[in-house]
Amino acid sequence: MSLPAGVINRPPLAAPHPVVLGRLARVATITLLVAAPLITQVVLQARGVRCRYETIDLERRLEQLQLERRSLIARRAELLAPDRLRREARRLGLVAGDAGQGPFVLDPDSGNLGGTGQ
């Protein structure tokens, strides 16, 4: 039987030999078995680095908040110092009551806004 004009007779593509396929499968499996732990290790190290940077940021923030807290405590102590309170009372024209009277309070019921509340 002859082929029509212009048709070239070529053998069909030869299928690879089963031994070649077996070797390729073995190489691919070994590569995956070797690469999988390495990839896992790289991913875990990246997570560890991220956690370390987050920890450093949190520690810096904590130090900053502690400094702010110390500053606020010092400012509060400065504002509540007895000498300063006496100076402010004198400046505002307030007179300290007797030792047994207690602090000055506003007493709207008695009509005395500068009374002692007793």
N, C-alpha and C. Protein backbone atom coordinates (compact mmCIF):
# COMPACT_ATOMS: atom_id res chain seq x y z
N MET A 1 0.85 -1.15 0.00
CA MET A 1 0.00 0.00 0.00
C MET A 1 0.89 1.22 0.00
N SER A 2 0.58 2.11 -0.86
CA SER A 2 1.40 3.30 -0.98
C SER A 2 0.69 4.48 -0.34
N LEU A 3 1.48 5.43 0.09
CA LEU A 3 0.95 6.63 0.74
C LEU A 3 0.63 7.67 -0.32
N PRO A 4 -0.35 8.53 -0.02
CA PRO A 4 -0.65 9.59 -0.98
C PRO A 4 0.56 10.50 -1.13
N ALA A 5 0.59 11.26 -2.17
CA ALA A 5 1.71 12.15 -2.45
C ALA A 5 1.81 13.20 -1.35
N GLY A 6 3.03 13.51 -0.90
CA GLY A 6 3.27 14.53 0.11
C GLY A 6 3.22 14.02 1.53
N VAL A 7 2.83 12.81 1.78
CA VAL A 7 2.76 12.26 3.13
C VAL A 7 4.06 11.53 3.40
N ILE A 8 4.67 11.88 4.51
CA ILE A 8 5.94 11.27 4.87
C ILE A 8 5.67 10.19 5.91
N ASN A 9 6.29 9.08 5.70
CA ASN A 9 6.11 7.97 6.60
C ASN A 9 7.12 8.09 7.75
N ARG A 10 6.63 8.41 8.93
CA ARG A 10 7.49 8.50 10.12
C ARG A 10 6.99 7.49 11.14
N PRO A 11 7.92 6.97 11.91
CA PRO A 11 7.47 6.06 12.95
C PRO A 11 6.77 6.86 14.06
N PRO A 12 5.81 6.28 14.72
CA PRO A 12 5.15 7.00 15.82
C PRO A 12 6.16 7.30 16.92
N LEU A 13 5.84 8.34 17.71
CA LEU A 13 6.73 8.70 18.81
C LEU A 13 6.92 7.50 19.72
N ALA A 14 8.14 7.22 19.96
CA ALA A 14 8.44 6.06 20.80
C ALA A 14 8.14 6.42 22.26
N ALA A 15 7.45 5.57 22.92
CA ALA A 15 7.17 5.77 24.34
C ALA A 15 8.45 5.55 25.11
N PRO A 16 8.69 6.37 26.18
CA PRO A 16 9.91 6.18 26.96
C PRO A 16 9.90 4.80 27.61
N HIS A 17 11.06 4.30 27.80
CA HIS A 17 11.22 2.98 28.38
C HIS A 17 10.78 3.02 29.85
N PRO A 18 10.15 1.98 30.36
CA PRO A 18 9.70 1.97 31.76
C PRO A 18 10.83 2.19 32.76
N VAL A 19 12.03 1.79 32.46
CA VAL A 19 13.14 2.00 33.38
C VAL A 19 13.42 3.49 33.52
N VAL A 20 13.34 4.22 32.39
CA VAL A 20 13.57 5.66 32.42
C VAL A 20 12.50 6.33 33.28
N LEU A 21 11.26 5.93 33.08
CA LEU A 21 10.17 6.51 33.89
C LEU A 21 10.37 6.20 35.38
N GLY A 22 10.80 5.01 35.68
CA GLY A 22 11.05 4.63 37.07
C GLY A 22 12.16 5.46 37.69
N ARG A 23 13.23 5.69 36.93
CA ARG A 23 14.33 6.51 37.45
C ARG A 23 13.88 7.96 37.67
N LEU A 24 13.13 8.49 36.71
CA LEU A 24 12.62 9.86 36.87
C LEU A 24 11.72 9.97 38.10
N ALA A 25 10.87 8.98 38.29
CA ALA A 25 9.99 9.00 39.46
C ALA A 25 10.81 8.93 40.75
N ARG A 26 11.85 8.10 40.75
CA ARG A 26 12.68 7.96 41.94
C ARG A 26 13.44 9.26 42.23
N VAL A 27 13.98 9.90 41.19
CA VAL A 27 14.69 11.17 41.37
C VAL A 27 13.73 12.24 41.88
N ALA A 28 12.53 12.29 41.32
CA ALA A 28 11.54 13.28 41.77
C ALA A 28 11.16 13.04 43.22
N THR A 29 10.97 11.79 43.60
CA THR A 29 10.60 11.46 44.98
C THR A 29 11.73 11.83 45.94
N ILE A 30 12.95 11.50 45.59
CA ILE A 30 14.10 11.83 46.46
C ILE A 30 14.23 13.34 46.59
N THR A 31 14.06 14.04 45.47
CA THR A 31 14.15 15.50 45.50
C THR A 31 13.09 16.08 46.44
N LEU A 32 11.88 15.57 46.34
CA LEU A 32 10.81 16.07 47.22
C LEU A 32 11.10 15.73 48.68
N LEU A 33 11.60 14.52 48.92
CA LEU A 33 11.89 14.13 50.30
C LEU A 33 13.03 14.95 50.89
N VAL A 34 13.98 15.36 50.07
CA VAL A 34 15.08 16.19 50.56
C VAL A 34 14.64 17.65 50.66
N ALA A 35 13.88 18.12 49.69
CA ALA A 35 13.51 19.54 49.63
C ALA A 35 12.41 19.90 50.63
N ALA A 36 11.50 18.98 50.90
CA ALA A 36 10.37 19.29 51.78
C ALA A 36 10.83 19.73 53.17
N PRO A 37 11.73 19.02 53.84
CA PRO A 37 12.19 19.50 55.16
C PRO A 37 12.92 20.83 55.08
N LEU A 38 13.69 21.01 54.01
CA LEU A 38 14.40 22.29 53.86
C LEU A 38 13.42 23.44 53.67
N ILE A 39 12.41 23.23 52.85
CA ILE A 39 11.40 24.27 52.64
C ILE A 39 10.65 24.54 53.94
N THR A 40 10.32 23.48 54.66
CA THR A 40 9.64 23.64 55.95
C THR A 40 10.51 24.42 56.93
N GLN A 41 11.80 24.11 56.95
CA GLN A 41 12.71 24.82 57.85
C GLN A 41 12.80 26.30 57.49
N VAL A 42 12.86 26.61 56.21
CA VAL A 42 12.93 28.01 55.78
C VAL A 42 11.66 28.75 56.18
N VAL A 43 10.51 28.11 55.99
CA VAL A 43 9.24 28.75 56.37
C VAL A 43 9.19 29.00 57.87
N LEU A 44 9.61 28.01 58.65
CA LEU A 44 9.59 28.18 60.11
C LEU A 44 10.58 29.24 60.57
N GLN A 45 11.74 29.31 59.93
CA GLN A 45 12.71 30.34 60.28
C GLN A 45 12.16 31.72 59.95
N ALA A 46 11.46 31.84 58.82
CA ALA A 46 10.87 33.13 58.46
C ALA A 46 9.84 33.55 59.51
N ARG A 47 9.05 32.59 59.97
CA ARG A 47 8.07 32.90 61.03
C ARG A 47 8.79 33.31 62.31
N GLY A 48 9.88 32.61 62.63
CA GLY A 48 10.65 32.94 63.83
C GLY A 48 11.25 34.33 63.76
N VAL A 49 11.74 34.70 62.59
CA VAL A 49 12.31 36.05 62.41
C VAL A 49 11.22 37.09 62.60
N ARG A 50 10.05 36.83 62.02
CA ARG A 50 8.93 37.77 62.16
C ARG A 50 8.54 37.90 63.63
N CYS A 51 8.46 36.78 64.33
CA CYS A 51 8.12 36.82 65.75
C CYS A 51 9.18 37.58 66.55
N ARG A 52 10.44 37.39 66.19
CA ARG A 52 11.52 38.08 66.90
C ARG A 52 11.39 39.59 66.70
N TYR A 53 11.11 40.04 65.47
CA TYR A 53 10.94 41.47 65.23
C TYR A 53 9.72 42.01 65.96
N GLU A 54 8.64 41.24 65.98
CA GLU A 54 7.45 41.68 66.72
C GLU A 54 7.77 41.78 68.22
N THR A 55 8.54 40.84 68.73
CA THR A 55 8.92 40.87 70.15
C THR A 55 9.77 42.10 70.45
N ILE A 56 10.71 42.40 69.56
CA ILE A 56 11.56 43.59 69.75
C ILE A 56 10.71 44.85 69.74
N ASP A 57 9.75 44.94 68.81
CA ASP A 57 8.86 46.11 68.76
C ASP A 57 8.04 46.23 70.04
N LEU A 58 7.52 45.10 70.52
CA LEU A 58 6.73 45.14 71.75
C LEU A 58 7.57 45.54 72.96
N GLU A 59 8.81 45.06 73.01
CA GLU A 59 9.69 45.44 74.12
C GLU A 59 10.00 46.93 74.08
N ARG A 60 10.23 47.47 72.89
CA ARG A 60 10.47 48.93 72.77
C ARG A 60 9.24 49.71 73.21
N ARG A 61 8.07 49.25 72.80
CA ARG A 61 6.83 49.94 73.18
C ARG A 61 6.63 49.88 74.69
N LEU A 62 6.94 48.73 75.28
CA LEU A 62 6.82 48.57 76.73
C LEU A 62 7.77 49.51 77.46
N GLU A 63 9.01 49.62 76.99
CA GLU A 63 9.96 50.54 77.60
C GLU A 63 9.47 51.98 77.48
N GLN A 64 8.92 52.33 76.32
CA GLN A 64 8.40 53.68 76.11
C GLN A 64 7.24 53.96 77.07
N LEU A 65 6.35 53.00 77.22
CA LEU A 65 5.22 53.18 78.14
C LEU A 65 5.68 53.27 79.59
N GLN A 66 6.71 52.51 79.94
CA GLN A 66 7.23 52.59 81.31
C GLN A 66 7.86 53.96 81.57
N LEU A 67 8.58 54.50 80.57
CA LEU A 67 9.15 55.84 80.73
C LEU A 67 8.04 56.88 80.86
N GLU A 68 6.99 56.76 80.04
CA GLU A 68 5.87 57.69 80.14
C GLU A 68 5.21 57.59 81.51
N ARG A 69 5.05 56.36 82.01
CA ARG A 69 4.42 56.16 83.31
C ARG A 69 5.26 56.81 84.41
N ARG A 70 6.58 56.60 84.37
CA ARG A 70 7.45 57.22 85.37
C ARG A 70 7.37 58.73 85.30
N SER A 71 7.31 59.26 84.09
CA SER A 71 7.21 60.70 83.91
C SER A 71 5.90 61.22 84.49
N LEU A 72 4.80 60.50 84.23
CA LEU A 72 3.50 60.92 84.77
C LEU A 72 3.47 60.83 86.29
N ILE A 73 4.08 59.81 86.85
CA ILE A 73 4.13 59.68 88.31
C ILE A 73 4.92 60.83 88.91
N ALA A 74 6.05 61.17 88.28
CA ALA A 74 6.86 62.29 88.78
C ALA A 74 6.09 63.60 88.66
N ARG A 75 5.38 63.79 87.55
CA ARG A 75 4.59 65.02 87.36
C ARG A 75 3.47 65.10 88.39
N ARG A 76 2.82 63.97 88.66
CA ARG A 76 1.75 63.94 89.66
C ARG A 76 2.30 64.29 91.04
N ALA A 77 3.44 63.71 91.39
CA ALA A 77 4.06 64.01 92.69
C ALA A 77 4.42 65.49 92.77
N GLU A 78 4.89 66.03 91.66
CA GLU A 78 5.24 67.46 91.63
C GLU A 78 4.00 68.32 91.82
N LEU A 79 2.90 67.95 91.16
CA LEU A 79 1.67 68.74 91.27
C LEU A 79 1.02 68.61 92.65
N LEU A 80 1.18 67.47 93.29
CA LEU A 80 0.55 67.26 94.59
C LEU A 80 1.48 67.54 95.76
N ALA A 81 2.62 68.12 95.50
CA ALA A 81 3.55 68.45 96.59
C ALA A 81 2.89 69.47 97.52
N PRO A 82 3.00 69.26 98.83
CA PRO A 82 2.33 70.16 99.78
C PRO A 82 2.74 71.62 99.63
N ASP A 83 4.01 71.89 99.40
CA ASP A 83 4.45 73.28 99.24
C ASP A 83 3.77 73.92 98.03
N ARG A 84 3.68 73.20 96.94
CA ARG A 84 3.05 73.74 95.74
C ARG A 84 1.56 73.98 95.98
N LEU A 85 0.90 73.04 96.66
CA LEU A 85 -0.53 73.21 96.94
C LEU A 85 -0.76 74.43 97.84
N ARG A 86 0.11 74.66 98.82
CA ARG A 86 -0.03 75.84 99.68
C ARG A 86 0.15 77.12 98.87
N ARG A 87 1.15 77.14 97.99
CA ARG A 87 1.36 78.33 97.14
C ARG A 87 0.14 78.59 96.26
N GLU A 88 -0.42 77.54 95.67
CA GLU A 88 -1.60 77.71 94.81
C GLU A 88 -2.80 78.20 95.63
N ALA A 89 -2.95 77.67 96.84
CA ALA A 89 -4.05 78.11 97.70
C ALA A 89 -3.91 79.58 98.04
N ARG A 90 -2.67 80.01 98.37
CA ARG A 90 -2.45 81.43 98.65
C ARG A 90 -2.71 82.28 97.41
N ARG A 91 -2.27 81.79 96.26
CA ARG A 91 -2.45 82.54 95.01
C ARG A 91 -3.93 82.71 94.69
N LEU A 92 -4.73 81.69 94.99
CA LEU A 92 -6.17 81.75 94.72
C LEU A 92 -6.94 82.42 95.85
N GLY A 93 -6.27 82.75 96.91
CA GLY A 93 -6.93 83.43 98.02
C GLY A 93 -7.69 82.49 98.93
N LEU A 94 -7.36 81.22 98.92
CA LEU A 94 -8.03 80.26 99.79
C LEU A 94 -7.31 80.24 101.13
N VAL A 95 -8.09 80.04 102.17
CA VAL A 95 -7.51 79.97 103.50
C VAL A 95 -7.74 78.55 104.01
N ALA A 96 -6.72 77.98 104.55
CA ALA A 96 -6.85 76.63 105.09
C ALA A 96 -7.73 76.66 106.32
N GLY A 97 -8.56 75.66 106.46
CA GLY A 97 -9.44 75.57 107.62
C GLY A 97 -8.69 75.05 108.82
N ASP A 98 -9.42 74.92 109.92
CA ASP A 98 -8.81 74.35 111.11
C ASP A 98 -8.46 72.89 110.85
N ALA A 99 -7.60 72.38 111.67
CA ALA A 99 -7.14 71.01 111.46
C ALA A 99 -8.28 70.01 111.55
N GLY A 100 -9.27 70.25 112.38
CA GLY A 100 -10.37 69.31 112.55
C GLY A 100 -11.49 69.49 111.55
N GLN A 101 -11.48 70.56 110.79
CA GLN A 101 -12.60 70.84 109.90
C GLN A 101 -12.58 70.01 108.62
N GLY A 102 -11.46 69.66 108.14
CA GLY A 102 -11.40 68.93 106.88
C GLY A 102 -11.27 69.89 105.71
N PRO A 103 -11.34 69.38 104.52
CA PRO A 103 -11.12 70.22 103.34
C PRO A 103 -12.33 71.10 103.04
N PHE A 104 -12.08 72.14 102.28
CA PHE A 104 -13.17 72.99 101.81
C PHE A 104 -13.96 72.24 100.76
N VAL A 105 -15.28 72.37 100.83
CA VAL A 105 -16.14 71.77 99.80
C VAL A 105 -17.18 72.80 99.41
N LEU A 106 -17.73 72.64 98.24
CA LEU A 106 -18.82 73.51 97.81
C LEU A 106 -20.11 72.96 98.38
N ASP A 107 -20.88 73.83 99.02
CA ASP A 107 -22.12 73.40 99.67
C ASP A 107 -23.27 74.21 99.07
N PRO A 108 -23.88 73.74 97.98
CA PRO A 108 -24.93 74.52 97.34
C PRO A 108 -26.19 74.64 98.19
N ASP A 109 -26.46 73.71 99.10
CA ASP A 109 -27.68 73.76 99.91
C ASP A 109 -27.66 74.92 100.90
N SER A 110 -26.51 75.19 101.45
CA SER A 110 -26.46 76.24 102.46
C SER A 110 -26.28 77.61 101.83
N GLY A 111 -26.05 77.66 100.54
CA GLY A 111 -25.82 78.95 99.89
C GLY A 111 -24.41 79.45 100.12
N ASN A 112 -23.64 78.68 100.81
CA ASN A 112 -22.27 79.06 101.11
C ASN A 112 -21.36 78.25 100.19
N LEU A 113 -20.90 78.88 99.14
CA LEU A 113 -20.07 78.15 98.18
C LEU A 113 -18.64 78.03 98.64
N GLY A 114 -18.28 78.63 99.71
CA GLY A 114 -16.92 78.51 100.21
C GLY A 114 -16.89 77.87 101.57
N GLY A 115 -17.99 77.25 101.98
CA GLY A 115 -18.09 76.69 103.32
C GLY A 115 -17.31 75.40 103.46
N THR A 116 -17.34 74.91 104.68
CA THR A 116 -16.59 73.69 104.97
C THR A 116 -17.45 72.46 104.84
N GLY A 117 -18.73 72.60 104.65
CA GLY A 117 -19.61 71.46 104.48
C GLY A 117 -20.07 70.85 105.78
N GLN A 118 -19.81 71.52 106.91
CA GLN A 118 -20.21 70.96 108.20
C GLN A 118 -21.35 71.74 108.78
